[in-house]
Amino acid sequence: MENAIALDTHSYIKNLQSVGFSEEQAEMVVKTQIELTEKRLATKRDIAEIKQDMNNYATAAEIQNNELKRDIKELEVTTETRYAELKRDIKELDAMVKTQIKELEVKGETQIKNLEASIETRFNELKRDIKELEVKGETQIKELELRLEARISQQKAEIIKWVFGISVAQASLIIALLKFL
């Protein structure tokens, strides 16, 4: 009987009898009181289980937070790698363009001017593409941060609900017990 609360039932019954209860009535009141107390009063084990649940929720939130941080770091590394690859590709394209320009100088100024305009357009497109990739990477990082903040807020709200609910239940139980006393 781990939920049992120490109660001098004999003394309690005698007190009830002294105010006019029959022995059967007094025994029934005491029995009902004990049953209610055992069913409704939170035990130390119940409280420990609730604390463990709260710790488990906090641990789960921390694990999710760490996973999100890891994912963000991986995304940063991937973005940096892609950016370096694009820079390398741009350098390669630049070298190729310069070689083509030198070859085209021999063919004439008109052809060179047309080629320069084409190269400038391609270069601007590459710049635009790079900018788009940068913006896209930043957007993804911000989205991950927002999701992380939302998950943390949600976990905090759940913990607060549990704590508030437990507090209200305990307060109600204490008030009920005080009314019986």
N, C-alpha and C. Protein backbone atom coordinates (compact mmCIF):
# COMPACT_ATOMS: atom_id res chain seq x y z
N MET A 1 0.83 -1.18 0.00
CA MET A 1 0.00 0.00 0.00
C MET A 1 0.87 1.25 0.00
N GLU A 2 1.55 1.48 -1.13
CA GLU A 2 2.50 2.58 -1.18
C GLU A 2 1.83 3.94 -1.18
N ASN A 3 0.57 4.01 -1.56
CA ASN A 3 -0.13 5.29 -1.57
C ASN A 3 -0.76 5.64 -0.22
N ALA A 4 -0.66 4.72 0.74
CA ALA A 4 -1.36 4.91 2.01
C ALA A 4 -0.81 6.12 2.76
N ILE A 5 -1.70 6.80 3.43
CA ILE A 5 -1.34 7.94 4.26
C ILE A 5 -1.62 7.52 5.70
N ALA A 6 -0.72 7.84 6.60
CA ALA A 6 -0.88 7.44 8.00
C ALA A 6 -2.11 8.13 8.57
N LEU A 7 -3.06 7.33 9.03
CA LEU A 7 -4.30 7.87 9.58
C LEU A 7 -4.72 6.96 10.74
N ASP A 8 -4.93 7.53 11.88
CA ASP A 8 -5.37 6.76 13.05
C ASP A 8 -6.87 6.53 12.90
N THR A 9 -7.22 5.43 12.23
CA THR A 9 -8.62 5.17 11.92
C THR A 9 -9.45 4.93 13.18
N HIS A 10 -8.85 4.27 14.14
CA HIS A 10 -9.60 3.99 15.38
C HIS A 10 -9.99 5.31 16.07
N SER A 11 -9.03 6.20 16.19
CA SER A 11 -9.28 7.50 16.83
C SER A 11 -10.31 8.30 16.01
N TYR A 12 -10.18 8.24 14.69
CA TYR A 12 -11.09 8.95 13.81
C TYR A 12 -12.53 8.44 13.99
N ILE A 13 -12.67 7.11 14.04
CA ILE A 13 -14.00 6.51 14.22
C ILE A 13 -14.58 6.93 15.58
N LYS A 14 -13.76 6.90 16.61
CA LYS A 14 -14.23 7.28 17.95
C LYS A 14 -14.68 8.74 17.96
N ASN A 15 -13.95 9.61 17.28
CA ASN A 15 -14.34 11.02 17.21
C ASN A 15 -15.69 11.18 16.51
N LEU A 16 -15.89 10.43 15.43
CA LEU A 16 -17.16 10.51 14.71
C LEU A 16 -18.31 9.99 15.57
N GLN A 17 -18.04 8.92 16.31
CA GLN A 17 -19.08 8.37 17.18
C GLN A 17 -19.42 9.35 18.30
N SER A 18 -18.43 10.09 18.74
CA SER A 18 -18.68 11.03 19.84
C SER A 18 -19.58 12.19 19.42
N VAL A 19 -19.69 12.42 18.10
CA VAL A 19 -20.57 13.50 17.64
C VAL A 19 -21.87 12.95 17.06
N GLY A 20 -22.14 11.66 17.31
CA GLY A 20 -23.45 11.14 16.96
C GLY A 20 -23.49 10.14 15.81
N PHE A 21 -22.36 9.81 15.22
CA PHE A 21 -22.37 8.81 14.15
C PHE A 21 -22.47 7.43 14.78
N SER A 22 -23.17 6.51 14.06
CA SER A 22 -23.16 5.13 14.53
C SER A 22 -21.81 4.52 14.15
N GLU A 23 -21.51 3.36 14.70
CA GLU A 23 -20.21 2.73 14.40
C GLU A 23 -20.11 2.42 12.90
N GLU A 24 -21.20 1.94 12.29
CA GLU A 24 -21.20 1.62 10.87
C GLU A 24 -21.00 2.88 10.02
N GLN A 25 -21.68 3.97 10.42
CA GLN A 25 -21.53 5.23 9.68
C GLN A 25 -20.10 5.75 9.80
N ALA A 26 -19.56 5.72 11.00
CA ALA A 26 -18.20 6.21 11.22
C ALA A 26 -17.20 5.38 10.41
N GLU A 27 -17.36 4.05 10.41
CA GLU A 27 -16.46 3.19 9.64
C GLU A 27 -16.57 3.49 8.15
N MET A 28 -17.80 3.71 7.67
CA MET A 28 -18.00 4.01 6.25
C MET A 28 -17.34 5.34 5.88
N VAL A 29 -17.48 6.36 6.72
CA VAL A 29 -16.86 7.66 6.47
C VAL A 29 -15.34 7.50 6.40
N VAL A 30 -14.77 6.78 7.35
CA VAL A 30 -13.31 6.58 7.39
C VAL A 30 -12.86 5.81 6.16
N LYS A 31 -13.58 4.75 5.83
CA LYS A 31 -13.22 3.94 4.66
C LYS A 31 -13.27 4.78 3.39
N THR A 32 -14.34 5.56 3.23
CA THR A 32 -14.48 6.44 2.06
C THR A 32 -13.36 7.47 2.01
N GLN A 33 -13.04 8.06 3.15
CA GLN A 33 -11.97 9.06 3.23
C GLN A 33 -10.64 8.44 2.80
N ILE A 34 -10.34 7.26 3.27
CA ILE A 34 -9.08 6.59 2.92
C ILE A 34 -9.05 6.29 1.42
N GLU A 35 -10.16 5.77 0.87
CA GLU A 35 -10.20 5.46 -0.56
C GLU A 35 -10.00 6.72 -1.40
N LEU A 36 -10.69 7.80 -1.04
CA LEU A 36 -10.53 9.06 -1.78
C LEU A 36 -9.10 9.57 -1.71
N THR A 37 -8.55 9.50 -0.54
CA THR A 37 -7.18 9.99 -0.35
C THR A 37 -6.21 9.16 -1.18
N GLU A 38 -6.37 7.85 -1.17
CA GLU A 38 -5.46 6.99 -1.92
C GLU A 38 -5.61 7.18 -3.42
N LYS A 39 -6.84 7.43 -3.88
CA LYS A 39 -7.07 7.58 -5.32
C LYS A 39 -6.67 8.95 -5.84
N ARG A 40 -6.82 9.98 -5.04
CA ARG A 40 -6.70 11.34 -5.55
C ARG A 40 -5.42 12.07 -5.15
N LEU A 41 -4.76 11.64 -4.10
CA LEU A 41 -3.59 12.36 -3.61
C LEU A 41 -2.35 11.90 -4.37
N ALA A 42 -1.62 12.85 -4.89
CA ALA A 42 -0.38 12.52 -5.61
C ALA A 42 0.66 12.03 -4.61
N THR A 43 1.29 10.92 -4.97
CA THR A 43 2.34 10.38 -4.12
C THR A 43 3.68 10.93 -4.55
N LYS A 44 4.67 10.66 -3.73
CA LYS A 44 6.03 11.09 -4.10
C LYS A 44 6.43 10.43 -5.42
N ARG A 45 6.02 9.18 -5.60
CA ARG A 45 6.35 8.49 -6.84
C ARG A 45 5.66 9.17 -8.03
N ASP A 46 4.39 9.56 -7.85
CA ASP A 46 3.68 10.27 -8.92
C ASP A 46 4.41 11.55 -9.28
N ILE A 47 4.81 12.29 -8.26
CA ILE A 47 5.52 13.56 -8.49
C ILE A 47 6.86 13.28 -9.16
N ALA A 48 7.55 12.23 -8.72
CA ALA A 48 8.84 11.88 -9.33
C ALA A 48 8.64 11.49 -10.80
N GLU A 49 7.56 10.77 -11.09
CA GLU A 49 7.29 10.40 -12.48
C GLU A 49 7.01 11.64 -13.33
N ILE A 50 6.28 12.57 -12.78
CA ILE A 50 6.00 13.82 -13.50
C ILE A 50 7.30 14.58 -13.74
N LYS A 51 8.13 14.65 -12.71
CA LYS A 51 9.43 15.33 -12.88
C LYS A 51 10.26 14.62 -13.95
N GLN A 52 10.22 13.29 -13.93
CA GLN A 52 10.98 12.53 -14.94
C GLN A 52 10.44 12.82 -16.34
N ASP A 53 9.11 12.87 -16.46
CA ASP A 53 8.52 13.21 -17.76
C ASP A 53 8.97 14.58 -18.22
N MET A 54 8.98 15.53 -17.28
CA MET A 54 9.41 16.89 -17.64
C MET A 54 10.88 16.89 -18.05
N ASN A 55 11.69 16.13 -17.34
CA ASN A 55 13.11 16.02 -17.71
C ASN A 55 13.25 15.37 -19.08
N ASN A 56 12.43 14.35 -19.34
CA ASN A 56 12.47 13.70 -20.65
C ASN A 56 12.10 14.67 -21.76
N TYR A 57 11.06 15.49 -21.52
CA TYR A 57 10.67 16.49 -22.51
C TYR A 57 11.80 17.50 -22.73
N ALA A 58 12.41 17.93 -21.65
CA ALA A 58 13.52 18.89 -21.77
C ALA A 58 14.69 18.28 -22.52
N THR A 59 14.98 17.01 -22.24
CA THR A 59 16.07 16.32 -22.93
C THR A 59 15.74 16.18 -24.41
N ALA A 60 14.50 15.82 -24.71
CA ALA A 60 14.10 15.69 -26.11
C ALA A 60 14.21 17.02 -26.84
N ALA A 61 13.81 18.09 -26.17
CA ALA A 61 13.92 19.42 -26.78
C ALA A 61 15.38 19.79 -27.02
N GLU A 62 16.23 19.43 -26.07
CA GLU A 62 17.66 19.73 -26.23
C GLU A 62 18.25 18.92 -27.38
N ILE A 63 17.83 17.66 -27.50
CA ILE A 63 18.31 16.82 -28.59
C ILE A 63 17.87 17.41 -29.93
N GLN A 64 16.61 17.82 -30.01
CA GLN A 64 16.13 18.43 -31.25
C GLN A 64 16.87 19.71 -31.55
N ASN A 65 17.14 20.48 -30.52
CA ASN A 65 17.89 21.73 -30.69
C ASN A 65 19.29 21.43 -31.23
N ASN A 66 19.94 20.42 -30.66
CA ASN A 66 21.28 20.05 -31.12
C ASN A 66 21.24 19.52 -32.55
N GLU A 67 20.21 18.74 -32.87
CA GLU A 67 20.08 18.24 -34.24
C GLU A 67 19.88 19.39 -35.22
N LEU A 68 19.07 20.36 -34.85
CA LEU A 68 18.85 21.51 -35.72
C LEU A 68 20.13 22.32 -35.88
N LYS A 69 20.87 22.48 -34.80
CA LYS A 69 22.15 23.19 -34.90
C LYS A 69 23.09 22.45 -35.84
N ARG A 70 23.12 21.11 -35.71
CA ARG A 70 23.97 20.31 -36.59
C ARG A 70 23.52 20.47 -38.04
N ASP A 71 22.22 20.43 -38.27
CA ASP A 71 21.70 20.59 -39.63
C ASP A 71 22.06 21.96 -40.20
N ILE A 72 21.95 22.98 -39.36
CA ILE A 72 22.30 24.34 -39.81
C ILE A 72 23.78 24.40 -40.15
N LYS A 73 24.62 23.78 -39.32
CA LYS A 73 26.06 23.78 -39.57
C LYS A 73 26.36 23.04 -40.88
N GLU A 74 25.70 21.91 -41.09
CA GLU A 74 25.89 21.16 -42.33
C GLU A 74 25.47 22.00 -43.54
N LEU A 75 24.37 22.73 -43.39
CA LEU A 75 23.90 23.59 -44.47
C LEU A 75 24.91 24.70 -44.74
N GLU A 76 25.48 25.26 -43.68
CA GLU A 76 26.49 26.30 -43.85
C GLU A 76 27.70 25.75 -44.60
N VAL A 77 28.15 24.55 -44.22
CA VAL A 77 29.30 23.94 -44.88
C VAL A 77 28.98 23.67 -46.34
N THR A 78 27.79 23.14 -46.61
CA THR A 78 27.39 22.87 -47.99
C THR A 78 27.34 24.16 -48.80
N THR A 79 26.79 25.21 -48.21
CA THR A 79 26.71 26.50 -48.90
C THR A 79 28.10 27.05 -49.19
N GLU A 80 28.99 26.94 -48.20
CA GLU A 80 30.36 27.42 -48.42
C GLU A 80 31.05 26.62 -49.52
N THR A 81 30.83 25.31 -49.52
CA THR A 81 31.43 24.45 -50.55
C THR A 81 30.90 24.83 -51.93
N ARG A 82 29.61 25.01 -52.03
CA ARG A 82 29.02 25.38 -53.32
C ARG A 82 29.53 26.75 -53.77
N TYR A 83 29.66 27.66 -52.83
CA TYR A 83 30.16 28.99 -53.16
C TYR A 83 31.59 28.90 -53.68
N ALA A 84 32.43 28.08 -53.02
CA ALA A 84 33.82 27.91 -53.48
C ALA A 84 33.85 27.28 -54.87
N GLU A 85 32.97 26.31 -55.10
CA GLU A 85 32.91 25.68 -56.42
C GLU A 85 32.51 26.70 -57.49
N LEU A 86 31.55 27.55 -57.16
CA LEU A 86 31.13 28.58 -58.11
C LEU A 86 32.26 29.57 -58.39
N LYS A 87 32.98 29.93 -57.35
CA LYS A 87 34.12 30.84 -57.55
C LYS A 87 35.16 30.20 -58.47
N ARG A 88 35.42 28.91 -58.23
CA ARG A 88 36.38 28.19 -59.07
C ARG A 88 35.87 28.15 -60.51
N ASP A 89 34.59 27.84 -60.66
CA ASP A 89 34.01 27.79 -62.01
C ASP A 89 34.09 29.15 -62.69
N ILE A 90 33.84 30.20 -61.93
CA ILE A 90 33.93 31.55 -62.51
C ILE A 90 35.36 31.84 -62.95
N LYS A 91 36.33 31.45 -62.13
CA LYS A 91 37.73 31.66 -62.51
C LYS A 91 38.07 30.88 -63.77
N GLU A 92 37.58 29.65 -63.83
CA GLU A 92 37.82 28.83 -65.02
C GLU A 92 37.17 29.48 -66.24
N LEU A 93 35.93 29.93 -66.07
CA LEU A 93 35.25 30.61 -67.18
C LEU A 93 35.99 31.88 -67.59
N ASP A 94 36.46 32.61 -66.60
CA ASP A 94 37.19 33.84 -66.89
C ASP A 94 38.46 33.53 -67.70
N ALA A 95 39.17 32.49 -67.28
CA ALA A 95 40.38 32.11 -68.01
C ALA A 95 40.04 31.69 -69.44
N MET A 96 38.96 30.94 -69.59
CA MET A 96 38.55 30.49 -70.91
C MET A 96 38.15 31.68 -71.78
N VAL A 97 37.44 32.62 -71.19
CA VAL A 97 37.00 33.80 -71.93
C VAL A 97 38.21 34.61 -72.40
N LYS A 98 39.18 34.77 -71.50
CA LYS A 98 40.38 35.54 -71.88
C LYS A 98 41.12 34.87 -73.03
N THR A 99 41.18 33.55 -72.99
CA THR A 99 41.84 32.82 -74.09
C THR A 99 41.08 33.04 -75.39
N GLN A 100 39.77 32.95 -75.32
CA GLN A 100 38.96 33.16 -76.53
C GLN A 100 39.11 34.58 -77.06
N ILE A 101 39.20 35.53 -76.12
CA ILE A 101 39.37 36.93 -76.55
C ILE A 101 40.67 37.10 -77.32
N LYS A 102 41.75 36.48 -76.79
CA LYS A 102 43.05 36.59 -77.47
C LYS A 102 42.99 35.98 -78.86
N GLU A 103 42.30 34.85 -78.96
CA GLU A 103 42.18 34.20 -80.28
C GLU A 103 41.35 35.06 -81.24
N LEU A 104 40.34 35.71 -80.70
CA LEU A 104 39.44 36.50 -81.54
C LEU A 104 40.04 37.84 -81.95
N GLU A 105 41.04 38.33 -81.21
CA GLU A 105 41.69 39.60 -81.58
C GLU A 105 42.24 39.53 -82.99
N VAL A 106 42.68 38.35 -83.34
CA VAL A 106 43.25 38.16 -84.68
C VAL A 106 42.16 38.34 -85.74
N LYS A 107 40.95 37.94 -85.46
CA LYS A 107 39.87 37.97 -86.44
C LYS A 107 39.30 39.36 -86.67
N GLY A 108 39.50 40.25 -85.70
CA GLY A 108 39.01 41.60 -85.98
C GLY A 108 38.28 42.23 -84.80
N GLU A 109 38.28 43.57 -84.81
CA GLU A 109 37.68 44.34 -83.73
C GLU A 109 36.17 44.12 -83.62
N THR A 110 35.50 44.00 -84.70
CA THR A 110 34.04 43.84 -84.66
C THR A 110 33.66 42.54 -83.97
N GLN A 111 34.34 41.48 -84.34
CA GLN A 111 34.03 40.19 -83.70
C GLN A 111 34.37 40.22 -82.20
N ILE A 112 35.44 40.92 -81.86
CA ILE A 112 35.83 41.02 -80.45
C ILE A 112 34.75 41.75 -79.66
N LYS A 113 34.24 42.86 -80.20
CA LYS A 113 33.22 43.62 -79.48
C LYS A 113 31.96 42.78 -79.27
N ASN A 114 31.56 42.05 -80.29
CA ASN A 114 30.37 41.19 -80.15
C ASN A 114 30.59 40.11 -79.07
N LEU A 115 31.78 39.56 -79.08
CA LEU A 115 32.10 38.52 -78.11
C LEU A 115 32.14 39.10 -76.69
N GLU A 116 32.70 40.28 -76.52
CA GLU A 116 32.75 40.91 -75.20
C GLU A 116 31.34 41.16 -74.66
N ALA A 117 30.45 41.59 -75.52
CA ALA A 117 29.07 41.81 -75.08
C ALA A 117 28.44 40.49 -74.62
N SER A 118 28.70 39.43 -75.36
CA SER A 118 28.17 38.12 -74.99
C SER A 118 28.76 37.64 -73.66
N ILE A 119 30.05 37.86 -73.51
CA ILE A 119 30.72 37.45 -72.26
C ILE A 119 30.17 38.24 -71.08
N GLU A 120 29.99 39.54 -71.28
CA GLU A 120 29.46 40.38 -70.21
C GLU A 120 28.07 39.89 -69.77
N THR A 121 27.25 39.53 -70.73
CA THR A 121 25.92 39.01 -70.43
C THR A 121 26.02 37.72 -69.62
N ARG A 122 26.88 36.83 -70.07
CA ARG A 122 27.05 35.56 -69.36
C ARG A 122 27.60 35.79 -67.95
N PHE A 123 28.53 36.70 -67.85
CA PHE A 123 29.11 37.01 -66.55
C PHE A 123 28.05 37.57 -65.60
N ASN A 124 27.21 38.46 -66.11
CA ASN A 124 26.12 39.02 -65.29
C ASN A 124 25.13 37.94 -64.87
N GLU A 125 24.86 37.02 -65.76
CA GLU A 125 23.96 35.91 -65.42
C GLU A 125 24.57 35.06 -64.30
N LEU A 126 25.87 34.83 -64.41
CA LEU A 126 26.54 34.07 -63.35
C LEU A 126 26.50 34.82 -62.02
N LYS A 127 26.72 36.12 -62.09
CA LYS A 127 26.63 36.93 -60.87
C LYS A 127 25.23 36.84 -60.27
N ARG A 128 24.23 36.96 -61.13
CA ARG A 128 22.85 36.88 -60.68
C ARG A 128 22.58 35.50 -60.06
N ASP A 129 23.07 34.46 -60.73
CA ASP A 129 22.88 33.11 -60.20
C ASP A 129 23.55 32.95 -58.84
N ILE A 130 24.74 33.52 -58.71
CA ILE A 130 25.44 33.46 -57.43
C ILE A 130 24.64 34.18 -56.36
N LYS A 131 24.15 35.36 -56.70
CA LYS A 131 23.33 36.12 -55.75
C LYS A 131 22.09 35.32 -55.34
N GLU A 132 21.46 34.69 -56.32
CA GLU A 132 20.27 33.89 -56.03
C GLU A 132 20.61 32.73 -55.09
N LEU A 133 21.76 32.09 -55.35
CA LEU A 133 22.17 30.99 -54.48
C LEU A 133 22.46 31.50 -53.06
N GLU A 134 23.08 32.66 -52.95
CA GLU A 134 23.35 33.23 -51.63
C GLU A 134 22.04 33.53 -50.90
N VAL A 135 21.11 34.15 -51.61
CA VAL A 135 19.82 34.50 -51.00
C VAL A 135 19.08 33.22 -50.60
N LYS A 136 19.12 32.23 -51.47
CA LYS A 136 18.45 30.97 -51.19
C LYS A 136 19.05 30.31 -49.95
N GLY A 137 20.37 30.30 -49.86
CA GLY A 137 21.04 29.73 -48.69
C GLY A 137 20.67 30.47 -47.42
N GLU A 138 20.67 31.79 -47.48
CA GLU A 138 20.31 32.59 -46.30
C GLU A 138 18.85 32.34 -45.91
N THR A 139 17.99 32.23 -46.90
CA THR A 139 16.57 31.96 -46.63
C THR A 139 16.40 30.61 -45.95
N GLN A 140 17.12 29.61 -46.43
CA GLN A 140 17.02 28.29 -45.82
C GLN A 140 17.51 28.32 -44.38
N ILE A 141 18.58 29.03 -44.14
CA ILE A 141 19.10 29.13 -42.77
C ILE A 141 18.07 29.82 -41.88
N LYS A 142 17.48 30.91 -42.38
CA LYS A 142 16.49 31.63 -41.58
C LYS A 142 15.26 30.75 -41.32
N GLU A 143 14.87 29.97 -42.32
CA GLU A 143 13.73 29.08 -42.11
C GLU A 143 14.04 28.04 -41.03
N LEU A 144 15.26 27.51 -41.08
CA LEU A 144 15.65 26.55 -40.05
C LEU A 144 15.66 27.19 -38.67
N GLU A 145 16.15 28.42 -38.59
CA GLU A 145 16.15 29.12 -37.31
C GLU A 145 14.72 29.34 -36.81
N LEU A 146 13.83 29.73 -37.71
CA LEU A 146 12.43 29.95 -37.31
C LEU A 146 11.78 28.66 -36.85
N ARG A 147 12.06 27.57 -37.55
CA ARG A 147 11.50 26.29 -37.14
C ARG A 147 12.05 25.88 -35.77
N LEU A 148 13.34 26.13 -35.57
CA LEU A 148 13.94 25.81 -34.28
C LEU A 148 13.29 26.63 -33.17
N GLU A 149 13.11 27.92 -33.41
CA GLU A 149 12.47 28.77 -32.41
C GLU A 149 11.03 28.31 -32.15
N ALA A 150 10.33 27.93 -33.20
CA ALA A 150 8.95 27.46 -33.04
C ALA A 150 8.91 26.17 -32.21
N ARG A 151 9.85 25.25 -32.50
CA ARG A 151 9.87 24.00 -31.74
C ARG A 151 10.20 24.26 -30.27
N ILE A 152 11.15 25.14 -30.03
CA ILE A 152 11.51 25.45 -28.65
C ILE A 152 10.32 26.09 -27.94
N SER A 153 9.65 27.04 -28.61
CA SER A 153 8.49 27.70 -28.01
C SER A 153 7.39 26.69 -27.72
N GLN A 154 7.19 25.77 -28.65
CA GLN A 154 6.16 24.75 -28.46
C GLN A 154 6.49 23.87 -27.25
N GLN A 155 7.77 23.47 -27.13
CA GLN A 155 8.17 22.65 -26.00
C GLN A 155 8.00 23.41 -24.69
N LYS A 156 8.36 24.69 -24.71
CA LYS A 156 8.20 25.51 -23.50
C LYS A 156 6.73 25.58 -23.12
N ALA A 157 5.86 25.80 -24.10
CA ALA A 157 4.42 25.90 -23.84
C ALA A 157 3.89 24.59 -23.25
N GLU A 158 4.35 23.46 -23.79
CA GLU A 158 3.91 22.17 -23.28
C GLU A 158 4.34 21.99 -21.83
N ILE A 159 5.57 22.36 -21.53
CA ILE A 159 6.07 22.23 -20.16
C ILE A 159 5.27 23.13 -19.23
N ILE A 160 5.00 24.36 -19.67
CA ILE A 160 4.23 25.29 -18.84
C ILE A 160 2.83 24.74 -18.60
N LYS A 161 2.21 24.17 -19.63
CA LYS A 161 0.88 23.58 -19.47
C LYS A 161 0.91 22.47 -18.41
N TRP A 162 1.92 21.59 -18.51
CA TRP A 162 2.04 20.50 -17.55
C TRP A 162 2.21 21.05 -16.14
N VAL A 163 3.11 21.98 -15.99
CA VAL A 163 3.39 22.53 -14.66
C VAL A 163 2.14 23.22 -14.12
N PHE A 164 1.47 24.01 -14.94
CA PHE A 164 0.26 24.71 -14.50
C PHE A 164 -0.83 23.71 -14.13
N GLY A 165 -1.01 22.70 -14.96
CA GLY A 165 -2.03 21.69 -14.69
C GLY A 165 -1.76 20.95 -13.39
N ILE A 166 -0.51 20.61 -13.18
CA ILE A 166 -0.13 19.92 -11.95
C ILE A 166 -0.36 20.84 -10.75
N SER A 167 0.01 22.11 -10.91
CA SER A 167 -0.17 23.07 -9.81
C SER A 167 -1.65 23.23 -9.46
N VAL A 168 -2.48 23.34 -10.48
CA VAL A 168 -3.92 23.49 -10.25
C VAL A 168 -4.47 22.24 -9.58
N ALA A 169 -4.04 21.07 -10.05
CA ALA A 169 -4.51 19.83 -9.45
C ALA A 169 -4.09 19.72 -8.00
N GLN A 170 -2.84 20.07 -7.73
CA GLN A 170 -2.36 20.01 -6.35
C GLN A 170 -3.11 21.01 -5.47
N ALA A 171 -3.31 22.22 -5.98
CA ALA A 171 -4.02 23.24 -5.21
C ALA A 171 -5.46 22.76 -4.92
N SER A 172 -6.10 22.20 -5.92
CA SER A 172 -7.47 21.70 -5.74
C SER A 172 -7.50 20.59 -4.71
N LEU A 173 -6.53 19.71 -4.78
CA LEU A 173 -6.46 18.60 -3.84
C LEU A 173 -6.23 19.12 -2.43
N ILE A 174 -5.35 20.07 -2.28
CA ILE A 174 -5.07 20.64 -0.96
C ILE A 174 -6.32 21.33 -0.40
N ILE A 175 -7.01 22.08 -1.25
CA ILE A 175 -8.25 22.75 -0.82
C ILE A 175 -9.29 21.72 -0.40
N ALA A 176 -9.40 20.66 -1.19
CA ALA A 176 -10.36 19.60 -0.86
C ALA A 176 -10.00 18.94 0.46
N LEU A 177 -8.72 18.69 0.66
CA LEU A 177 -8.29 18.07 1.91
C LEU A 177 -8.55 19.01 3.09
N LEU A 178 -8.30 20.29 2.88
CA LEU A 178 -8.54 21.25 3.96
C LEU A 178 -10.03 21.32 4.31
N LYS A 179 -10.88 21.15 3.33
CA LYS A 179 -12.31 21.16 3.59
C LYS A 179 -12.73 19.95 4.43
N PHE A 180 -12.04 18.82 4.21
CA PHE A 180 -12.37 17.62 4.97
C PHE A 180 -11.85 17.71 6.40
N LEU A 181 -10.85 18.49 6.60
CA LEU A 181 -10.27 18.61 7.94
C LEU A 181 -11.03 19.60 8.71
